[in-house]
Amino acid sequence: MTRLTSCFERLKNEGRKAVIPYIVAGDPSRSGTVPLMHRLVDAGADIVELGVPFSDPMSEGPVIQKGHERALDNGISLRDVLGMVADFRQHDSSTPVVVMGYANPVERMGYRGFATACAEVGVDGLITVDLPPEEVDSLRDQLELVGIDNIFLISPTTPEPRIKTIVQSASGFIYYVAVKGVTGAGHLDTADVASYMTKIKEATTLPVCVGFGIKDAASAGAVAGVADGAVVGSALIDTMAQTIANGSSEELATDNAISLLKSIRNGVDNVPTGV
C-alpha cells in the first residue's frame, strides 16, 4: 500500500478531508523550500505537492508562472527537486509528497531513471500535466515497478467517455480542476463541482481532490463538502510573493503562507463529519 493510499484511508476512517498545498520548488528560495514543506505539514497539510520549475508552464496562471520563473532564476532543476524531497525525508517519513511538472524534464532523464530516482528519495506520486493517458503507458509502467502513483487531471470540459479512459491509467487520487482555464483563474462554483464529482465517482473508486480556484477557508470548506480533499497553490504562492514585494522578509512571507494554510485547514475541518 502506497503512502497516498494509506493517507486517504486514514482520513476516511477519521471522517476528515485532505488538505494539499502546492508550492514551486525553489520559490521564494532554494534553501527555504524544505523548511517550508515541514511547516506546511505542521500547519495541517496531509500531502505536499511540489512543483518542478519549467520554462513554459502552460497550465499555470500568472501567479504560479512567476513562481516558476523565480525558481528557475534560482537555478532549480528536476534533480534539485528530487534532492529536496530526499532532504525532507530525513525528518518526515510519513507525509506523502507528490511531484507535479511537465513531461520534457522527465523524458530527458528517461522514464526508468526518473522513476528509480523518485523511489530512492521518497516521492509518492507524479502529476505530468501535459502527458495524456494515451501516451502514458511507458512512464506508468516504470512508476508502477517502484510503487509510485500516477495521478491525472480531469477538468470541467472532460467528456464522460474520456473520464473512463483517464481513471484506468490513474492511481493514488484524481485531481479535479474545478474551474476552466489556468491555475488561479475563474470563480469556483461548488454546485458545478458537486455535479461533476458524481460523474467521476461513477467511474472510479479513487479519491477525488479539487484544485484551481481555492483561495481561502470558505472555498476550501465548500470543496471539502463534496470532494475528498482540497488543493491550494496560487493563494499560497501569491501570499509569499506579495509579502516580499512589499519589502518584507522571506521569513514573514512564509509565516503569512502558513497562517493562510492553517485557516484553510480549519475551513476543511469544519465540514460536518460524514459529508
C-alpha atoms as a PDB file:
ATOM      1  CA  MET A   1       0.000   0.000   0.000  1.00  0.00           C
ATOM      2  CA  THR A   2       1.420   3.387  -1.002  1.00  0.00           C
ATOM      3  CA  ARG A   3       1.714   6.350   1.341  1.00  0.00           C
ATOM      4  CA  LEU A   4      -1.037   8.110  -0.624  1.00  0.00           C
ATOM      5  CA  THR A   5      -3.445   5.195  -0.269  1.00  0.00           C
ATOM      6  CA  SER A   6      -2.668   4.920   3.439  1.00  0.00           C
ATOM      7  CA  CYS A   7      -3.192   8.656   3.885  1.00  0.00           C
ATOM      8  CA  PHE A   8      -6.612   8.674   2.255  1.00  0.00           C
ATOM      9  CA  GLU A   9      -7.707   5.549   4.133  1.00  0.00           C
ATOM     10  CA  ARG A  10      -6.702   7.133   7.425  1.00  0.00           C
ATOM     11  CA  LEU A  11      -8.542  10.351   6.589  1.00  0.00           C
ATOM     12  CA  LYS A  12     -11.640   8.408   5.600  1.00  0.00           C
ATOM     13  CA  ASN A  13     -11.584   6.459   8.854  1.00  0.00           C
ATOM     14  CA  GLU A  14     -11.230   9.732  10.766  1.00  0.00           C
ATOM     15  CA  GLY A  15     -14.049  11.394   8.839  1.00  0.00           C
ATOM     16  CA  ARG A  16     -11.693  14.085   7.548  1.00  0.00           C
ATOM     17  CA  LYS A  17     -10.748  15.528   4.166  1.00  0.00           C
ATOM     18  CA  ALA A  18      -7.260  16.114   2.758  1.00  0.00           C
ATOM     19  CA  VAL A  19      -5.541  19.485   2.606  1.00  0.00           C
ATOM     20  CA  ILE A  20      -2.909  19.566  -0.134  1.00  0.00           C
ATOM     21  CA  PRO A  21      -0.730  22.677  -0.520  1.00  0.00           C
ATOM     22  CA  TYR A  22       1.171  23.222  -3.766  1.00  0.00           C
ATOM     23  CA  ILE A  23       4.430  25.168  -3.833  1.00  0.00           C
ATOM     24  CA  VAL A  24       7.051  25.608  -6.534  1.00  0.00           C
ATOM     25  CA  ALA A  25      10.374  24.076  -5.507  1.00  0.00           C
ATOM     26  CA  GLY A  26      12.919  26.868  -5.133  1.00  0.00           C
ATOM     27  CA  ASP A  27      10.396  29.683  -4.669  1.00  0.00           C
ATOM     28  CA  PRO A  28      10.951  32.002  -2.882  1.00  0.00           C
ATOM     29  CA  SER A  29      14.388  30.446  -2.353  1.00  0.00           C
ATOM     30  CA  ARG A  30      16.323  27.221  -2.740  1.00  0.00           C
ATOM     31  CA  SER A  31      17.216  26.998   0.938  1.00  0.00           C
ATOM     32  CA  GLY A  32      13.694  27.799   2.118  1.00  0.00           C
ATOM     33  CA  THR A  33      11.803  25.042   0.296  1.00  0.00           C
ATOM     34  CA  VAL A  34      12.368  22.085   2.608  1.00  0.00           C
ATOM     35  CA  PRO A  35      11.743  24.099   5.807  1.00  0.00           C
ATOM     36  CA  LEU A  36       8.553  25.404   4.193  1.00  0.00           C
ATOM     37  CA  MET A  37       7.450  21.837   3.392  1.00  0.00           C
ATOM     38  CA  HIS A  38       7.867  20.880   7.046  1.00  0.00           C
ATOM     39  CA  ARG A  39       6.000  23.967   8.223  1.00  0.00           C
ATOM     40  CA  LEU A  40       3.129  23.176   5.858  1.00  0.00           C
ATOM     41  CA  VAL A  41       2.826  19.711   7.388  1.00  0.00           C
ATOM     42  CA  ASP A  42       2.907  21.180  10.892  1.00  0.00           C
ATOM     43  CA  ALA A  43       0.138  23.590   9.826  1.00  0.00           C
ATOM     44  CA  GLY A  44      -2.142  20.745   8.750  1.00  0.00           C
ATOM     45  CA  ALA A  45      -1.098  19.595   5.280  1.00  0.00           C
ATOM     46  CA  ASP A  46      -1.857  15.924   4.673  1.00  0.00           C
ATOM     47  CA  ILE A  47       0.032  15.758   1.372  1.00  0.00           C
ATOM     48  CA  VAL A  48       2.609  18.163  -0.078  1.00  0.00           C
ATOM     49  CA  GLU A  49       2.584  18.881  -3.794  1.00  0.00           C
ATOM     50  CA  LEU A  50       5.928  20.113  -5.099  1.00  0.00           C
ATOM     51  CA  GLY A  51       6.078  21.845  -8.464  1.00  0.00           C
ATOM     52  CA  VAL A  52       9.041  21.273 -10.767  1.00  0.00           C
ATOM     53  CA  PRO A  53      10.075  24.619 -12.308  1.00  0.00           C
ATOM     54  CA  PHE A  54       9.617  24.694 -16.076  1.00  0.00           C
ATOM     55  CA  SER A  55      10.238  27.349 -18.695  1.00  0.00           C
ATOM     56  CA  ASP A  56       6.802  27.019 -20.312  1.00  0.00           C
ATOM     57  CA  PRO A  57       4.259  26.074 -17.614  1.00  0.00           C
ATOM     58  CA  MET A  58       1.272  26.363 -19.940  1.00  0.00           C
ATOM     59  CA  SER A  59      -1.352  25.159 -17.457  1.00  0.00           C
ATOM     60  CA  GLU A  60      -0.408  27.728 -14.858  1.00  0.00           C
ATOM     61  CA  GLY A  61      -1.813  31.192 -14.330  1.00  0.00           C
ATOM     62  CA  PRO A  62       0.333  34.310 -13.868  1.00  0.00           C
ATOM     63  CA  VAL A  63       0.935  33.764 -10.151  1.00  0.00           C
ATOM     64  CA  ILE A  64       2.398  30.274 -10.485  1.00  0.00           C
ATOM     65  CA  GLN A  65       4.163  31.167 -13.758  1.00  0.00           C
ATOM     66  CA  LYS A  66       6.073  33.834 -11.858  1.00  0.00           C
ATOM     67  CA  GLY A  67       6.859  31.279  -9.172  1.00  0.00           C
ATOM     68  CA  HIS A  68       8.365  29.043 -11.863  1.00  0.00           C
ATOM     69  CA  GLU A  69      10.375  31.990 -13.185  1.00  0.00           C
ATOM     70  CA  ARG A  70      11.751  32.830  -9.749  1.00  0.00           C
ATOM     71  CA  ALA A  71      12.676  29.188  -9.120  1.00  0.00           C
ATOM     72  CA  LEU A  72      14.429  28.932 -12.492  1.00  0.00           C
ATOM     73  CA  ASP A  73      16.299  32.158 -11.687  1.00  0.00           C
ATOM     74  CA  ASN A  74      17.410  30.370  -8.520  1.00  0.00           C
ATOM     75  CA  GLY A  75      18.817  27.584 -10.707  1.00  0.00           C
ATOM     76  CA  ILE A  76      16.394  24.837  -9.692  1.00  0.00           C
ATOM     77  CA  SER A  77      16.385  21.686 -11.839  1.00  0.00           C
ATOM     78  CA  LEU A  78      14.447  18.440 -11.658  1.00  0.00           C
ATOM     79  CA  ARG A  79      17.360  16.791  -9.859  1.00  0.00           C
ATOM     80  CA  ASP A  80      17.376  19.639  -7.347  1.00  0.00           C
ATOM     81  CA  VAL A  81      13.688  18.993  -6.686  1.00  0.00           C
ATOM     82  CA  LEU A  82      14.375  15.321  -6.034  1.00  0.00           C
ATOM     83  CA  GLY A  83      17.192  16.359  -3.706  1.00  0.00           C
ATOM     84  CA  MET A  84      14.733  18.487  -1.755  1.00  0.00           C
ATOM     85  CA  VAL A  85      12.436  15.501  -1.340  1.00  0.00           C
ATOM     86  CA  ALA A  86      15.388  13.478  -0.062  1.00  0.00           C
ATOM     87  CA  ASP A  87      16.179  16.215   2.474  1.00  0.00           C
ATOM     88  CA  PHE A  88      12.526  16.368   3.530  1.00  0.00           C
ATOM     89  CA  ARG A  89      12.507  12.603   4.098  1.00  0.00           C
ATOM     90  CA  GLN A  90      15.342  12.878   6.618  1.00  0.00           C
ATOM     91  CA  HIS A  91      12.805  14.203   9.135  1.00  0.00           C
ATOM     92  CA  ASP A  92       9.448  13.093   7.702  1.00  0.00           C
ATOM     93  CA  SER A  93       8.946   9.533   6.531  1.00  0.00           C
ATOM     94  CA  SER A  94       5.149   9.538   6.541  1.00  0.00           C
ATOM     95  CA  THR A  95       3.746  12.589   4.713  1.00  0.00           C
ATOM     96  CA  PRO A  96       3.104  11.814   1.029  1.00  0.00           C
ATOM     97  CA  VAL A  97       4.929  14.026  -1.474  1.00  0.00           C
ATOM     98  CA  VAL A  98       3.562  14.469  -4.988  1.00  0.00           C
ATOM     99  CA  VAL A  99       5.758  15.945  -7.707  1.00  0.00           C
ATOM    100  CA  MET A 100       3.922  17.974 -10.333  1.00  0.00           C
ATOM    101  CA  GLY A 101       5.558  19.014 -13.578  1.00  0.00           C
ATOM    102  CA  TYR A 102       5.800  18.753 -17.328  1.00  0.00           C
ATOM    103  CA  ALA A 103       6.948  15.870 -19.499  1.00  0.00           C
ATOM    104  CA  ASN A 104      10.096  17.363 -21.029  1.00  0.00           C
ATOM    105  CA  PRO A 105      12.407  17.183 -17.973  1.00  0.00           C
ATOM    106  CA  VAL A 106      11.157  13.675 -17.182  1.00  0.00           C
ATOM    107  CA  GLU A 107      11.741  12.491 -20.741  1.00  0.00           C
ATOM    108  CA  ARG A 108      15.231  13.959 -20.737  1.00  0.00           C
ATOM    109  CA  MET A 109      16.095  11.987 -17.605  1.00  0.00           C
ATOM    110  CA  GLY A 110      14.484   8.848 -19.059  1.00  0.00           C
ATOM    111  CA  TYR A 111      11.432   7.153 -17.611  1.00  0.00           C
ATOM    112  CA  ARG A 112      13.305   4.340 -15.903  1.00  0.00           C
ATOM    113  CA  GLY A 113      15.973   6.609 -14.447  1.00  0.00           C
ATOM    114  CA  PHE A 114      13.380   9.112 -13.322  1.00  0.00           C
ATOM    115  CA  ALA A 115      11.178   6.513 -11.623  1.00  0.00           C
ATOM    116  CA  THR A 116      14.166   4.952  -9.885  1.00  0.00           C
ATOM    117  CA  ALA A 117      15.397   8.343  -8.674  1.00  0.00           C
ATOM    118  CA  CYS A 118      11.930   9.236  -7.369  1.00  0.00           C
ATOM    119  CA  ALA A 119      11.679   5.962  -5.473  1.00  0.00           C
ATOM    120  CA  GLU A 120      15.116   6.421  -3.946  1.00  0.00           C
ATOM    121  CA  VAL A 121      14.275   9.829  -2.465  1.00  0.00           C
ATOM    122  CA  GLY A 122      10.715   9.049  -1.370  1.00  0.00           C
ATOM    123  CA  VAL A 123       8.400  10.579  -3.977  1.00  0.00           C
ATOM    124  CA  ASP A 124       4.918   9.078  -3.706  1.00  0.00           C
ATOM    125  CA  GLY A 125       3.068  10.373  -6.755  1.00  0.00           C
ATOM    126  CA  LEU A 126       3.552  12.144 -10.055  1.00  0.00           C
ATOM    127  CA  ILE A 127       1.356  14.557 -11.979  1.00  0.00           C
ATOM    128  CA  THR A 128       2.614  15.146 -15.516  1.00  0.00           C
ATOM    129  CA  VAL A 129       0.439  17.994 -16.709  1.00  0.00           C
ATOM    130  CA  ASP A 130       1.000  17.647 -20.440  1.00  0.00           C
ATOM    131  CA  LEU A 131       1.167  13.851 -20.796  1.00  0.00           C
ATOM    132  CA  PRO A 132      -2.232  12.470 -21.884  1.00  0.00           C
ATOM    133  CA  PRO A 133      -3.372   8.968 -20.917  1.00  0.00           C
ATOM    134  CA  GLU A 134      -2.869   7.751 -24.492  1.00  0.00           C
ATOM    135  CA  GLU A 135       0.860   8.423 -24.145  1.00  0.00           C
ATOM    136  CA  VAL A 136       1.466   7.459 -20.531  1.00  0.00           C
ATOM    137  CA  ASP A 137       1.914   3.690 -20.682  1.00  0.00           C
ATOM    138  CA  SER A 138       5.729   3.642 -20.731  1.00  0.00           C
ATOM    139  CA  LEU A 139       6.064   6.080 -17.838  1.00  0.00           C
ATOM    140  CA  ARG A 140       3.247   4.475 -15.848  1.00  0.00           C
ATOM    141  CA  ASP A 141       4.867   1.048 -16.175  1.00  0.00           C
ATOM    142  CA  GLN A 142       8.115   2.361 -14.711  1.00  0.00           C
ATOM    143  CA  LEU A 143       6.311   4.141 -11.879  1.00  0.00           C
ATOM    144  CA  GLU A 144       4.321   1.013 -11.030  1.00  0.00           C
ATOM    145  CA  LEU A 145       7.523  -1.022 -10.771  1.00  0.00           C
ATOM    146  CA  VAL A 146       8.721   1.204  -7.920  1.00  0.00           C
ATOM    147  CA  GLY A 147       5.335   1.802  -6.253  1.00  0.00           C
ATOM    148  CA  ILE A 148       4.770   5.419  -7.299  1.00  0.00           C
ATOM    149  CA  ASP A 149       1.245   6.593  -8.057  1.00  0.00           C
ATOM    150  CA  ASN A 150       0.390   8.147 -11.405  1.00  0.00           C
ATOM    151  CA  ILE A 151      -2.091  10.999 -10.874  1.00  0.00           C
ATOM    152  CA  PHE A 152      -4.203  12.601 -13.590  1.00  0.00           C
ATOM    153  CA  LEU A 153      -6.094  15.837 -14.023  1.00  0.00           C
ATOM    154  CA  ILE A 154      -9.754  15.905 -15.035  1.00  0.00           C
ATOM    155  CA  SER A 155     -11.361  19.214 -15.998  1.00  0.00           C
ATOM    156  CA  PRO A 156     -14.945  20.512 -16.343  1.00  0.00           C
ATOM    157  CA  THR A 157     -14.658  20.051 -20.105  1.00  0.00           C
ATOM    158  CA  THR A 158     -13.590  16.384 -19.941  1.00  0.00           C
ATOM    159  CA  PRO A 159     -16.334  14.247 -21.575  1.00  0.00           C
ATOM    160  CA  GLU A 160     -17.577  11.161 -19.731  1.00  0.00           C
ATOM    161  CA  PRO A 161     -16.008   8.611 -22.128  1.00  0.00           C
ATOM    162  CA  ARG A 162     -12.629  10.270 -21.596  1.00  0.00           C
ATOM    163  CA  ILE A 163     -13.085  10.220 -17.828  1.00  0.00           C
ATOM    164  CA  LYS A 164     -13.241   6.432 -18.059  1.00  0.00           C
ATOM    165  CA  THR A 165     -10.045   6.377 -20.133  1.00  0.00           C
ATOM    166  CA  ILE A 166      -8.221   8.612 -17.669  1.00  0.00           C
ATOM    167  CA  VAL A 167      -9.170   6.753 -14.494  1.00  0.00           C
ATOM    168  CA  GLN A 168      -7.982   3.463 -16.000  1.00  0.00           C
ATOM    169  CA  SER A 169      -4.443   4.906 -16.102  1.00  0.00           C
ATOM    170  CA  ALA A 170      -4.592   6.685 -12.741  1.00  0.00           C
ATOM    171  CA  SER A 171      -3.719   5.705  -9.200  1.00  0.00           C
ATOM    172  CA  GLY A 172      -3.365   7.500  -5.873  1.00  0.00           C
ATOM    173  CA  PHE A 173      -6.120  10.047  -6.466  1.00  0.00           C
ATOM    174  CA  ILE A 174      -7.791  12.060  -9.197  1.00  0.00           C
ATOM    175  CA  TYR A 175      -7.095  15.785  -9.369  1.00  0.00           C
ATOM    176  CA  TYR A 176     -10.224  17.617 -10.485  1.00  0.00           C
ATOM    177  CA  VAL A 177      -9.625  21.064 -11.980  1.00  0.00           C
ATOM    178  CA  ALA A 178     -12.597  22.983 -10.600  1.00  0.00           C
ATOM    179  CA  VAL A 179     -12.526  25.972 -12.967  1.00  0.00           C
ATOM    180  CA  LYS A 180     -11.905  26.293 -16.679  1.00  0.00           C
ATOM    181  CA  GLY A 181      -8.568  27.748 -17.718  1.00  0.00           C
ATOM    182  CA  VAL A 182      -5.233  28.039 -15.928  1.00  0.00           C
ATOM    183  CA  THR A 183      -4.456  27.915 -12.218  1.00  0.00           C
ATOM    184  CA  GLY A 184      -5.788  30.850 -10.241  1.00  0.00           C
ATOM    185  CA  ALA A 185      -8.404  31.685 -12.863  1.00  0.00           C
ATOM    186  CA  GLY A 186     -12.165  31.810 -12.695  1.00  0.00           C
ATOM    187  CA  HIS A 187     -14.782  31.528  -9.999  1.00  0.00           C
ATOM    188  CA  LEU A 188     -15.329  28.328  -8.056  1.00  0.00           C
ATOM    189  CA  ASP A 189     -18.896  27.063  -8.457  1.00  0.00           C
ATOM    190  CA  THR A 190     -19.492  24.449  -5.761  1.00  0.00           C
ATOM    191  CA  ALA A 191     -22.702  23.214  -7.373  1.00  0.00           C
ATOM    192  CA  ASP A 192     -20.858  22.517 -10.615  1.00  0.00           C
ATOM    193  CA  VAL A 193     -18.089  20.773  -8.694  1.00  0.00           C
ATOM    194  CA  ALA A 194     -20.609  18.581  -6.861  1.00  0.00           C
ATOM    195  CA  SER A 195     -22.322  17.649 -10.115  1.00  0.00           C
ATOM    196  CA  TYR A 196     -19.051  16.651 -11.743  1.00  0.00           C
ATOM    197  CA  MET A 197     -17.941  14.716  -8.658  1.00  0.00           C
ATOM    198  CA  THR A 198     -20.880  12.386  -9.280  1.00  0.00           C
ATOM    199  CA  LYS A 199     -19.651  11.643 -12.812  1.00  0.00           C
ATOM    200  CA  ILE A 200     -16.105  10.938 -11.648  1.00  0.00           C
ATOM    201  CA  LYS A 201     -17.186   8.816  -8.679  1.00  0.00           C
ATOM    202  CA  GLU A 202     -19.293   6.680 -11.000  1.00  0.00           C
ATOM    203  CA  ALA A 203     -16.141   5.857 -12.965  1.00  0.00           C
ATOM    204  CA  THR A 204     -13.626   5.214 -10.176  1.00  0.00           C
ATOM    205  CA  THR A 205     -13.193   4.368  -6.508  1.00  0.00           C
ATOM    206  CA  LEU A 206     -10.103   6.575  -6.282  1.00  0.00           C
ATOM    207  CA  PRO A 207     -10.284   9.632  -4.011  1.00  0.00           C
ATOM    208  CA  VAL A 208     -11.004  12.871  -5.886  1.00  0.00           C
ATOM    209  CA  CYS A 209      -9.310  16.102  -4.793  1.00  0.00           C
ATOM    210  CA  VAL A 210     -10.197  19.526  -6.135  1.00  0.00           C
ATOM    211  CA  GLY A 211      -7.857  22.363  -7.057  1.00  0.00           C
ATOM    212  CA  PHE A 212      -7.808  25.591  -9.097  1.00  0.00           C
ATOM    213  CA  GLY A 213      -9.946  28.316  -7.517  1.00  0.00           C
ATOM    214  CA  ILE A 214      -9.411  27.524  -3.829  1.00  0.00           C
ATOM    215  CA  LYS A 215      -8.250  30.722  -2.175  1.00  0.00           C
ATOM    216  CA  ASP A 216      -9.406  30.716   1.438  1.00  0.00           C
ATOM    217  CA  ALA A 217     -11.123  28.790   4.221  1.00  0.00           C
ATOM    218  CA  ALA A 218     -14.588  29.290   2.741  1.00  0.00           C
ATOM    219  CA  SER A 219     -13.749  27.945  -0.720  1.00  0.00           C
ATOM    220  CA  ALA A 220     -11.718  25.075   0.757  1.00  0.00           C
ATOM    221  CA  GLY A 221     -14.555  24.132   3.092  1.00  0.00           C
ATOM    222  CA  ALA A 222     -17.097  24.242   0.269  1.00  0.00           C
ATOM    223  CA  VAL A 223     -14.945  21.898  -1.815  1.00  0.00           C
ATOM    224  CA  ALA A 224     -14.312  19.561   1.111  1.00  0.00           C
ATOM    225  CA  GLY A 225     -18.069  19.153   1.423  1.00  0.00           C
ATOM    226  CA  VAL A 226     -18.252  17.409  -1.954  1.00  0.00           C
ATOM    227  CA  ALA A 227     -14.744  16.007  -2.553  1.00  0.00           C
ATOM    228  CA  ASP A 228     -12.061  14.027  -0.729  1.00  0.00           C
ATOM    229  CA  GLY A 229      -9.602  16.885  -0.493  1.00  0.00           C
ATOM    230  CA  ALA A 230      -8.729  20.467  -1.404  1.00  0.00           C
ATOM    231  CA  VAL A 231      -5.597  21.604  -3.239  1.00  0.00           C
ATOM    232  CA  VAL A 232      -4.379  25.170  -2.738  1.00  0.00           C
ATOM    233  CA  GLY A 233      -1.487  26.655  -4.692  1.00  0.00           C
ATOM    234  CA  SER A 234      -1.868  30.108  -6.230  1.00  0.00           C
ATOM    235  CA  ALA A 235      -3.120  31.672  -3.000  1.00  0.00           C
ATOM    236  CA  LEU A 236      -0.084  30.455  -1.037  1.00  0.00           C
ATOM    237  CA  ILE A 237       2.401  31.463  -3.718  1.00  0.00           C
ATOM    238  CA  ASP A 238       0.794  34.875  -4.175  1.00  0.00           C
ATOM    239  CA  THR A 239       0.768  35.498  -0.423  1.00  0.00           C
ATOM    240  CA  MET A 240       4.518  34.901  -0.242  1.00  0.00           C
ATOM    241  CA  ALA A 241       5.292  36.885  -3.391  1.00  0.00           C
ATOM    242  CA  GLN A 242       3.228  39.890  -2.328  1.00  0.00           C
ATOM    243  CA  THR A 243       4.778  39.946   1.136  1.00  0.00           C
ATOM    244  CA  ILE A 244       8.277  40.005  -0.332  1.00  0.00           C
ATOM    245  CA  ALA A 245       7.287  42.543  -2.990  1.00  0.00           C
ATOM    246  CA  ASN A 246       6.134  44.837  -0.178  1.00  0.00           C
ATOM    247  CA  GLY A 247       9.637  44.805   1.243  1.00  0.00           C
ATOM    248  CA  SER A 248       9.232  42.206   3.971  1.00  0.00           C
ATOM    249  CA  SER A 249      11.442  39.202   4.622  1.00  0.00           C
ATOM    250  CA  GLU A 250      11.066  35.682   3.310  1.00  0.00           C
ATOM    251  CA  GLU A 251      10.515  34.609   6.907  1.00  0.00           C
ATOM    252  CA  LEU A 252       7.442  36.827   7.168  1.00  0.00           C
ATOM    253  CA  ALA A 253       6.318  35.666   3.718  1.00  0.00           C
ATOM    254  CA  THR A 254       6.339  32.044   4.810  1.00  0.00           C
ATOM    255  CA  ASP A 255       4.683  32.973   8.109  1.00  0.00           C
ATOM    256  CA  ASN A 256       1.824  34.532   6.142  1.00  0.00           C
ATOM    257  CA  ALA A 257       1.522  31.460   3.908  1.00  0.00           C
ATOM    258  CA  ILE A 258       1.398  29.215   6.952  1.00  0.00           C
ATOM    259  CA  SER A 259      -1.323  31.377   8.508  1.00  0.00           C
ATOM    260  CA  LEU A 260      -3.351  31.025   5.323  1.00  0.00           C
ATOM    261  CA  LEU A 261      -2.924  27.251   5.282  1.00  0.00           C
ATOM    262  CA  LYS A 262      -3.987  26.987   8.924  1.00  0.00           C
ATOM    263  CA  SER A 263      -7.118  28.936   8.044  1.00  0.00           C
ATOM    264  CA  ILE A 264      -7.788  26.594   5.114  1.00  0.00           C
ATOM    265  CA  ARG A 265      -7.234  23.584   7.372  1.00  0.00           C
ATOM    266  CA  ASN A 266      -9.844  24.968   9.759  1.00  0.00           C
ATOM    267  CA  GLY A 267     -12.258  25.571   6.894  1.00  0.00           C
ATOM    268  CA  VAL A 268     -11.906  21.985   5.714  1.00  0.00           C
ATOM    269  CA  ASP A 269     -12.215  20.569   9.226  1.00  0.00           C
ATOM    270  CA  ASN A 270     -15.441  22.490   9.806  1.00  0.00           C
ATOM    271  CA  VAL A 271     -17.168  20.384   7.177  1.00  0.00           C
ATOM    272  CA  PRO A 272     -19.686  18.153   9.021  1.00  0.00           C
ATOM    273  CA  THR A 273     -18.462  14.604   9.645  1.00  0.00           C
ATOM    274  CA  GLY A 274     -19.708  12.163   7.055  1.00  0.00           C
ATOM    275  CA  VAL A 275     -20.064  14.712   4.230  1.00  0.00           C
END
